[in-house]
Amino acid sequence: MLTFSGGKVPVEGATGAEDIFYTSDRMKAYHIYFFFLKFLLIIQTVLILMQKENPNQISYIAADILFKLSLGIFLMVFFTFKHIEGLDYYDRFIASFAGMLLAFDAVYVSLPILLKKMGIKLPSWVVVQTA
């Protein structure tokens, strides 16, 4: 049986192994977060296609930071703690390091641009790249 909407619903051909994936009545916090990211991506894509948004706007830069940080942290955590058959230690290390670089890119490149556009005065040692 599969669990939907808090109740058990018999599904023809179900072996019972599917219960592992459908045991919770509510969405977990990370499900809600990833749903929010998907929704944000869809809205941003529509706005770009309608030419209502461009890469220099605050909302675009903020979403860029959010996506880079989310993907970077996911890559770091997933490849650090998950053992995958066929991946050597150094392969996992490189993938985890790629996530770290993506997160650093969000913090050290995109975040100063966002803060400058919001009118926040940055220290003199922070260099803001302009396109």
N, C-alpha and C. Protein backbone atom coordinates (compact mmCIF):
# COMPACT_ATOMS: atom_id res chain seq x y z
N MET A 1 0.84 -1.19 0.00
CA MET A 1 0.00 0.00 0.00
C MET A 1 0.89 1.25 0.00
N LEU A 2 0.38 2.28 -0.61
CA LEU A 2 1.07 3.56 -0.63
C LEU A 2 0.32 4.52 0.28
N THR A 3 1.01 5.44 0.87
CA THR A 3 0.40 6.42 1.76
C THR A 3 0.24 7.74 1.02
N PHE A 4 -0.97 8.21 0.95
CA PHE A 4 -1.26 9.52 0.36
C PHE A 4 -2.19 10.26 1.29
N SER A 5 -1.99 11.54 1.48
CA SER A 5 -2.87 12.39 2.27
C SER A 5 -3.14 11.85 3.66
N GLY A 6 -2.15 11.22 4.26
CA GLY A 6 -2.29 10.76 5.62
C GLY A 6 -3.00 9.43 5.77
N GLY A 7 -3.45 8.80 4.70
CA GLY A 7 -4.13 7.53 4.81
C GLY A 7 -3.52 6.51 3.89
N LYS A 8 -3.77 5.26 4.19
CA LYS A 8 -3.26 4.18 3.34
C LYS A 8 -4.25 3.95 2.21
N VAL A 9 -3.73 3.99 0.99
CA VAL A 9 -4.56 3.74 -0.18
C VAL A 9 -3.97 2.53 -0.89
N PRO A 10 -4.74 1.46 -1.04
CA PRO A 10 -4.19 0.29 -1.72
C PRO A 10 -3.96 0.59 -3.20
N VAL A 11 -2.80 0.18 -3.68
CA VAL A 11 -2.45 0.36 -5.07
C VAL A 11 -2.20 -1.02 -5.66
N GLU A 12 -2.85 -1.30 -6.78
CA GLU A 12 -2.70 -2.61 -7.39
C GLU A 12 -1.26 -2.83 -7.83
N GLY A 13 -0.70 -3.94 -7.45
CA GLY A 13 0.67 -4.27 -7.83
C GLY A 13 1.72 -3.76 -6.86
N ALA A 14 1.31 -3.05 -5.80
CA ALA A 14 2.28 -2.53 -4.83
C ALA A 14 2.77 -3.68 -3.95
N THR A 15 4.05 -3.72 -3.71
CA THR A 15 4.66 -4.82 -2.94
C THR A 15 4.86 -4.49 -1.48
N GLY A 16 4.68 -3.27 -1.09
CA GLY A 16 4.93 -2.87 0.28
C GLY A 16 6.24 -2.13 0.42
N ALA A 17 7.16 -2.32 -0.51
CA ALA A 17 8.45 -1.63 -0.45
C ALA A 17 8.28 -0.14 -0.71
N GLU A 18 7.19 0.22 -1.37
CA GLU A 18 6.96 1.63 -1.67
C GLU A 18 6.62 2.45 -0.43
N ASP A 19 6.21 1.76 0.66
CA ASP A 19 5.86 2.48 1.89
C ASP A 19 7.03 3.28 2.45
N ILE A 20 8.24 2.88 2.14
CA ILE A 20 9.42 3.58 2.63
C ILE A 20 9.42 5.04 2.17
N PHE A 21 8.93 5.27 0.97
CA PHE A 21 9.00 6.60 0.39
C PHE A 21 7.79 7.46 0.72
N TYR A 22 6.72 6.88 1.21
CA TYR A 22 5.49 7.62 1.44
C TYR A 22 4.98 7.44 2.86
N THR A 23 5.84 7.57 3.85
CA THR A 23 5.42 7.33 5.22
C THR A 23 5.05 8.59 5.98
N SER A 24 5.39 9.76 5.49
CA SER A 24 5.14 10.98 6.23
C SER A 24 3.83 11.62 5.78
N ASP A 25 3.08 12.15 6.74
CA ASP A 25 1.84 12.84 6.41
C ASP A 25 2.09 14.28 5.98
N ARG A 26 3.20 14.85 6.39
CA ARG A 26 3.51 16.24 6.07
C ARG A 26 4.81 16.33 5.32
N MET A 27 4.97 17.47 4.62
CA MET A 27 6.24 17.70 3.92
C MET A 27 7.30 18.07 4.94
N LYS A 28 8.49 17.59 4.71
CA LYS A 28 9.61 17.95 5.58
C LYS A 28 10.11 19.34 5.17
N ALA A 29 10.90 19.95 6.02
CA ALA A 29 11.36 21.32 5.78
C ALA A 29 12.17 21.43 4.50
N TYR A 30 13.02 20.44 4.21
CA TYR A 30 13.81 20.54 2.99
C TYR A 30 12.95 20.34 1.75
N HIS A 31 11.84 19.60 1.85
CA HIS A 31 10.91 19.49 0.72
C HIS A 31 10.29 20.84 0.41
N ILE A 32 9.89 21.54 1.45
CA ILE A 32 9.29 22.87 1.26
C ILE A 32 10.31 23.82 0.67
N TYR A 33 11.54 23.75 1.14
CA TYR A 33 12.60 24.62 0.63
C TYR A 33 12.85 24.37 -0.86
N PHE A 34 12.97 23.10 -1.26
CA PHE A 34 13.21 22.80 -2.66
C PHE A 34 11.99 23.13 -3.52
N PHE A 35 10.79 22.98 -2.97
CA PHE A 35 9.59 23.40 -3.69
C PHE A 35 9.62 24.91 -3.91
N PHE A 36 10.03 25.66 -2.89
CA PHE A 36 10.16 27.11 -3.01
C PHE A 36 11.18 27.48 -4.08
N LEU A 37 12.31 26.79 -4.13
CA LEU A 37 13.32 27.06 -5.15
C LEU A 37 12.79 26.78 -6.55
N LYS A 38 12.06 25.69 -6.72
CA LYS A 38 11.47 25.39 -8.02
C LYS A 38 10.47 26.45 -8.44
N PHE A 39 9.64 26.87 -7.50
CA PHE A 39 8.65 27.91 -7.77
C PHE A 39 9.34 29.22 -8.14
N LEU A 40 10.38 29.57 -7.42
CA LEU A 40 11.14 30.79 -7.70
C LEU A 40 11.78 30.72 -9.09
N LEU A 41 12.30 29.57 -9.45
CA LEU A 41 12.90 29.40 -10.77
C LEU A 41 11.87 29.56 -11.89
N ILE A 42 10.70 29.01 -11.70
CA ILE A 42 9.64 29.13 -12.72
C ILE A 42 9.21 30.58 -12.88
N ILE A 43 9.00 31.27 -11.76
CA ILE A 43 8.59 32.68 -11.82
C ILE A 43 9.68 33.52 -12.47
N GLN A 44 10.91 33.29 -12.12
CA GLN A 44 12.00 34.07 -12.68
C GLN A 44 12.14 33.81 -14.19
N THR A 45 11.98 32.57 -14.60
CA THR A 45 12.04 32.24 -16.03
C THR A 45 10.94 32.96 -16.80
N VAL A 46 9.74 32.96 -16.25
CA VAL A 46 8.63 33.66 -16.91
C VAL A 46 8.92 35.16 -17.00
N LEU A 47 9.42 35.75 -15.92
CA LEU A 47 9.73 37.19 -15.94
C LEU A 47 10.82 37.53 -16.96
N ILE A 48 11.81 36.66 -17.09
CA ILE A 48 12.88 36.91 -18.06
C ILE A 48 12.33 36.77 -19.48
N LEU A 49 11.50 35.75 -19.72
CA LEU A 49 10.93 35.57 -21.05
C LEU A 49 10.00 36.72 -21.44
N MET A 50 9.32 37.29 -20.46
CA MET A 50 8.44 38.44 -20.72
C MET A 50 9.23 39.75 -20.74
N GLN A 51 10.53 39.69 -20.55
CA GLN A 51 11.43 40.83 -20.53
C GLN A 51 11.06 41.85 -19.44
N LYS A 52 10.62 41.32 -18.31
CA LYS A 52 10.31 42.16 -17.15
C LYS A 52 11.47 42.20 -16.17
N GLU A 53 12.44 41.30 -16.37
CA GLU A 53 13.58 41.22 -15.46
C GLU A 53 14.85 41.01 -16.27
N ASN A 54 15.95 41.56 -15.77
CA ASN A 54 17.25 41.36 -16.41
C ASN A 54 18.29 41.04 -15.35
N PRO A 55 19.49 40.61 -15.75
CA PRO A 55 20.50 40.18 -14.77
C PRO A 55 21.03 41.28 -13.84
N ASN A 56 20.67 42.52 -14.06
CA ASN A 56 21.16 43.60 -13.21
C ASN A 56 20.18 43.97 -12.09
N GLN A 57 19.04 43.32 -12.02
CA GLN A 57 18.06 43.66 -11.00
C GLN A 57 18.34 42.91 -9.70
N ILE A 58 17.90 43.50 -8.61
CA ILE A 58 18.15 42.96 -7.28
C ILE A 58 17.53 41.57 -7.13
N SER A 59 16.32 41.37 -7.63
CA SER A 59 15.65 40.07 -7.47
C SER A 59 16.42 38.97 -8.20
N TYR A 60 16.98 39.28 -9.36
CA TYR A 60 17.75 38.29 -10.11
C TYR A 60 19.04 37.92 -9.37
N ILE A 61 19.72 38.93 -8.85
CA ILE A 61 20.98 38.68 -8.13
C ILE A 61 20.71 37.91 -6.84
N ALA A 62 19.63 38.26 -6.13
CA ALA A 62 19.28 37.55 -4.89
C ALA A 62 18.94 36.09 -5.19
N ALA A 63 18.19 35.83 -6.25
CA ALA A 63 17.88 34.44 -6.62
C ALA A 63 19.14 33.70 -7.04
N ASP A 64 20.05 34.38 -7.73
CA ASP A 64 21.31 33.78 -8.13
C ASP A 64 22.12 33.34 -6.90
N ILE A 65 22.18 34.20 -5.90
CA ILE A 65 22.89 33.87 -4.66
C ILE A 65 22.22 32.67 -3.98
N LEU A 66 20.90 32.68 -3.91
CA LEU A 66 20.17 31.60 -3.25
C LEU A 66 20.42 30.27 -3.95
N PHE A 67 20.38 30.25 -5.28
CA PHE A 67 20.61 29.01 -6.02
C PHE A 67 22.05 28.53 -5.87
N LYS A 68 23.01 29.44 -5.96
CA LYS A 68 24.41 29.04 -5.83
C LYS A 68 24.70 28.49 -4.45
N LEU A 69 24.20 29.16 -3.42
CA LEU A 69 24.43 28.67 -2.06
C LEU A 69 23.75 27.33 -1.83
N SER A 70 22.51 27.19 -2.29
CA SER A 70 21.78 25.94 -2.10
C SER A 70 22.48 24.78 -2.79
N LEU A 71 22.84 24.97 -4.04
CA LEU A 71 23.50 23.90 -4.79
C LEU A 71 24.89 23.62 -4.23
N GLY A 72 25.61 24.67 -3.84
CA GLY A 72 26.95 24.48 -3.28
C GLY A 72 26.91 23.71 -1.98
N ILE A 73 26.01 24.08 -1.09
CA ILE A 73 25.90 23.38 0.20
C ILE A 73 25.44 21.95 -0.02
N PHE A 74 24.49 21.74 -0.95
CA PHE A 74 24.04 20.38 -1.24
C PHE A 74 25.20 19.52 -1.74
N LEU A 75 25.99 20.04 -2.68
CA LEU A 75 27.11 19.27 -3.21
C LEU A 75 28.12 18.94 -2.11
N MET A 76 28.42 19.93 -1.26
CA MET A 76 29.37 19.68 -0.18
C MET A 76 28.87 18.59 0.76
N VAL A 77 27.63 18.71 1.20
CA VAL A 77 27.09 17.75 2.17
C VAL A 77 26.90 16.37 1.53
N PHE A 78 26.32 16.33 0.34
CA PHE A 78 26.02 15.05 -0.30
C PHE A 78 27.27 14.25 -0.56
N PHE A 79 28.27 14.86 -1.18
CA PHE A 79 29.45 14.11 -1.55
C PHE A 79 30.41 13.91 -0.37
N THR A 80 30.23 14.64 0.71
CA THR A 80 31.07 14.42 1.88
C THR A 80 30.55 13.23 2.70
N PHE A 81 29.23 13.12 2.84
CA PHE A 81 28.67 12.12 3.75
C PHE A 81 28.04 10.92 3.05
N LYS A 82 27.83 10.98 1.75
CA LYS A 82 27.19 9.87 1.03
C LYS A 82 28.24 9.04 0.31
N HIS A 83 28.20 7.73 0.56
CA HIS A 83 29.11 6.82 -0.14
C HIS A 83 28.40 6.30 -1.38
N ILE A 84 28.99 6.52 -2.53
CA ILE A 84 28.42 6.08 -3.80
C ILE A 84 29.37 5.05 -4.40
N GLU A 85 28.81 3.90 -4.74
CA GLU A 85 29.62 2.85 -5.35
C GLU A 85 30.19 3.36 -6.67
N GLY A 86 31.45 3.08 -6.92
CA GLY A 86 32.08 3.48 -8.18
C GLY A 86 32.78 4.82 -8.12
N LEU A 87 32.53 5.59 -7.07
CA LEU A 87 33.21 6.88 -6.91
C LEU A 87 34.35 6.71 -5.92
N ASP A 88 35.53 7.06 -6.33
CA ASP A 88 36.67 7.02 -5.43
C ASP A 88 36.61 8.19 -4.46
N TYR A 89 37.46 8.13 -3.46
CA TYR A 89 37.53 9.21 -2.48
C TYR A 89 37.85 10.54 -3.15
N TYR A 90 38.77 10.52 -4.10
CA TYR A 90 39.18 11.78 -4.74
C TYR A 90 38.10 12.33 -5.65
N ASP A 91 37.28 11.47 -6.24
CA ASP A 91 36.15 11.94 -7.04
C ASP A 91 35.14 12.66 -6.14
N ARG A 92 34.87 12.06 -5.00
CA ARG A 92 33.94 12.69 -4.04
C ARG A 92 34.52 14.00 -3.53
N PHE A 93 35.83 14.03 -3.29
CA PHE A 93 36.49 15.24 -2.82
C PHE A 93 36.38 16.36 -3.85
N ILE A 94 36.59 16.04 -5.12
CA ILE A 94 36.50 17.05 -6.18
C ILE A 94 35.07 17.58 -6.30
N ALA A 95 34.07 16.70 -6.24
CA ALA A 95 32.68 17.14 -6.32
C ALA A 95 32.32 18.00 -5.12
N SER A 96 32.78 17.63 -3.94
CA SER A 96 32.53 18.43 -2.75
C SER A 96 33.22 19.79 -2.84
N PHE A 97 34.43 19.79 -3.37
CA PHE A 97 35.16 21.05 -3.54
C PHE A 97 34.47 21.95 -4.57
N ALA A 98 33.86 21.36 -5.59
CA ALA A 98 33.11 22.14 -6.58
C ALA A 98 31.94 22.86 -5.90
N GLY A 99 31.29 22.19 -4.97
CA GLY A 99 30.22 22.82 -4.21
C GLY A 99 30.73 23.97 -3.37
N MET A 100 31.92 23.79 -2.79
CA MET A 100 32.52 24.85 -1.99
C MET A 100 32.83 26.07 -2.86
N LEU A 101 33.36 25.83 -4.05
CA LEU A 101 33.66 26.94 -4.96
C LEU A 101 32.39 27.67 -5.39
N LEU A 102 31.32 26.93 -5.60
CA LEU A 102 30.06 27.55 -5.99
C LEU A 102 29.52 28.43 -4.85
N ALA A 103 29.61 27.94 -3.63
CA ALA A 103 29.16 28.72 -2.48
C ALA A 103 30.04 29.96 -2.29
N PHE A 104 31.35 29.82 -2.44
CA PHE A 104 32.24 30.97 -2.34
C PHE A 104 31.95 32.00 -3.42
N ASP A 105 31.63 31.53 -4.62
CA ASP A 105 31.29 32.44 -5.71
C ASP A 105 30.06 33.27 -5.35
N ALA A 106 29.09 32.64 -4.72
CA ALA A 106 27.89 33.36 -4.32
C ALA A 106 28.20 34.42 -3.28
N VAL A 107 29.06 34.07 -2.32
CA VAL A 107 29.33 34.99 -1.21
C VAL A 107 30.31 36.09 -1.60
N TYR A 108 31.34 35.76 -2.35
CA TYR A 108 32.40 36.73 -2.62
C TYR A 108 32.25 37.49 -3.93
N VAL A 109 31.35 37.04 -4.82
CA VAL A 109 31.16 37.77 -6.08
C VAL A 109 29.76 38.38 -6.13
N SER A 110 28.73 37.57 -5.96
CA SER A 110 27.36 38.05 -6.13
C SER A 110 26.85 38.86 -4.94
N LEU A 111 27.22 38.46 -3.73
CA LEU A 111 26.72 39.17 -2.55
C LEU A 111 27.18 40.63 -2.48
N PRO A 112 28.45 40.95 -2.74
CA PRO A 112 28.83 42.37 -2.75
C PRO A 112 28.08 43.19 -3.80
N ILE A 113 27.80 42.59 -4.96
CA ILE A 113 27.04 43.30 -5.99
C ILE A 113 25.63 43.59 -5.48
N LEU A 114 25.01 42.61 -4.83
CA LEU A 114 23.68 42.80 -4.28
C LEU A 114 23.67 43.88 -3.20
N LEU A 115 24.64 43.83 -2.30
CA LEU A 115 24.69 44.83 -1.22
C LEU A 115 24.92 46.23 -1.78
N LYS A 116 25.74 46.36 -2.79
CA LYS A 116 25.99 47.67 -3.40
C LYS A 116 24.72 48.20 -4.08
N LYS A 117 23.98 47.32 -4.76
CA LYS A 117 22.74 47.74 -5.41
C LYS A 117 21.67 48.13 -4.39
N MET A 118 21.73 47.53 -3.20
CA MET A 118 20.77 47.87 -2.15
C MET A 118 21.17 49.14 -1.40
N GLY A 119 22.33 49.69 -1.73
CA GLY A 119 22.76 50.94 -1.12
C GLY A 119 23.52 50.76 0.19
N ILE A 120 23.98 49.57 0.47
CA ILE A 120 24.74 49.31 1.69
C ILE A 120 26.20 49.60 1.41
N LYS A 121 26.79 50.45 2.26
CA LYS A 121 28.19 50.83 2.07
C LYS A 121 29.09 49.67 2.48
N LEU A 122 29.97 49.31 1.57
CA LEU A 122 30.89 48.20 1.80
C LEU A 122 32.25 48.74 2.23
N PRO A 123 33.03 47.96 2.97
CA PRO A 123 34.38 48.39 3.34
C PRO A 123 35.23 48.62 2.10
N SER A 124 36.27 49.40 2.25
CA SER A 124 37.11 49.77 1.11
C SER A 124 37.86 48.56 0.53
N TRP A 125 38.09 47.52 1.32
CA TRP A 125 38.84 46.37 0.83
C TRP A 125 37.98 45.40 0.01
N VAL A 126 36.65 45.63 -0.03
CA VAL A 126 35.76 44.79 -0.83
C VAL A 126 35.70 45.35 -2.24
N VAL A 127 36.09 44.54 -3.21
CA VAL A 127 36.07 44.96 -4.61
C VAL A 127 34.80 44.40 -5.24
N VAL A 128 34.01 45.29 -5.82
CA VAL A 128 32.77 44.88 -6.48
C VAL A 128 33.02 44.85 -7.98
N GLN A 129 32.82 43.67 -8.56
CA GLN A 129 33.01 43.54 -10.00
C GLN A 129 31.78 44.08 -10.72
N THR A 130 32.02 44.82 -11.78
CA THR A 130 30.93 45.32 -12.59
C THR A 130 31.06 44.74 -13.98
N ALA A 131 29.91 44.46 -14.56
CA ALA A 131 29.94 43.83 -15.90
C ALA A 131 30.20 44.82 -17.00
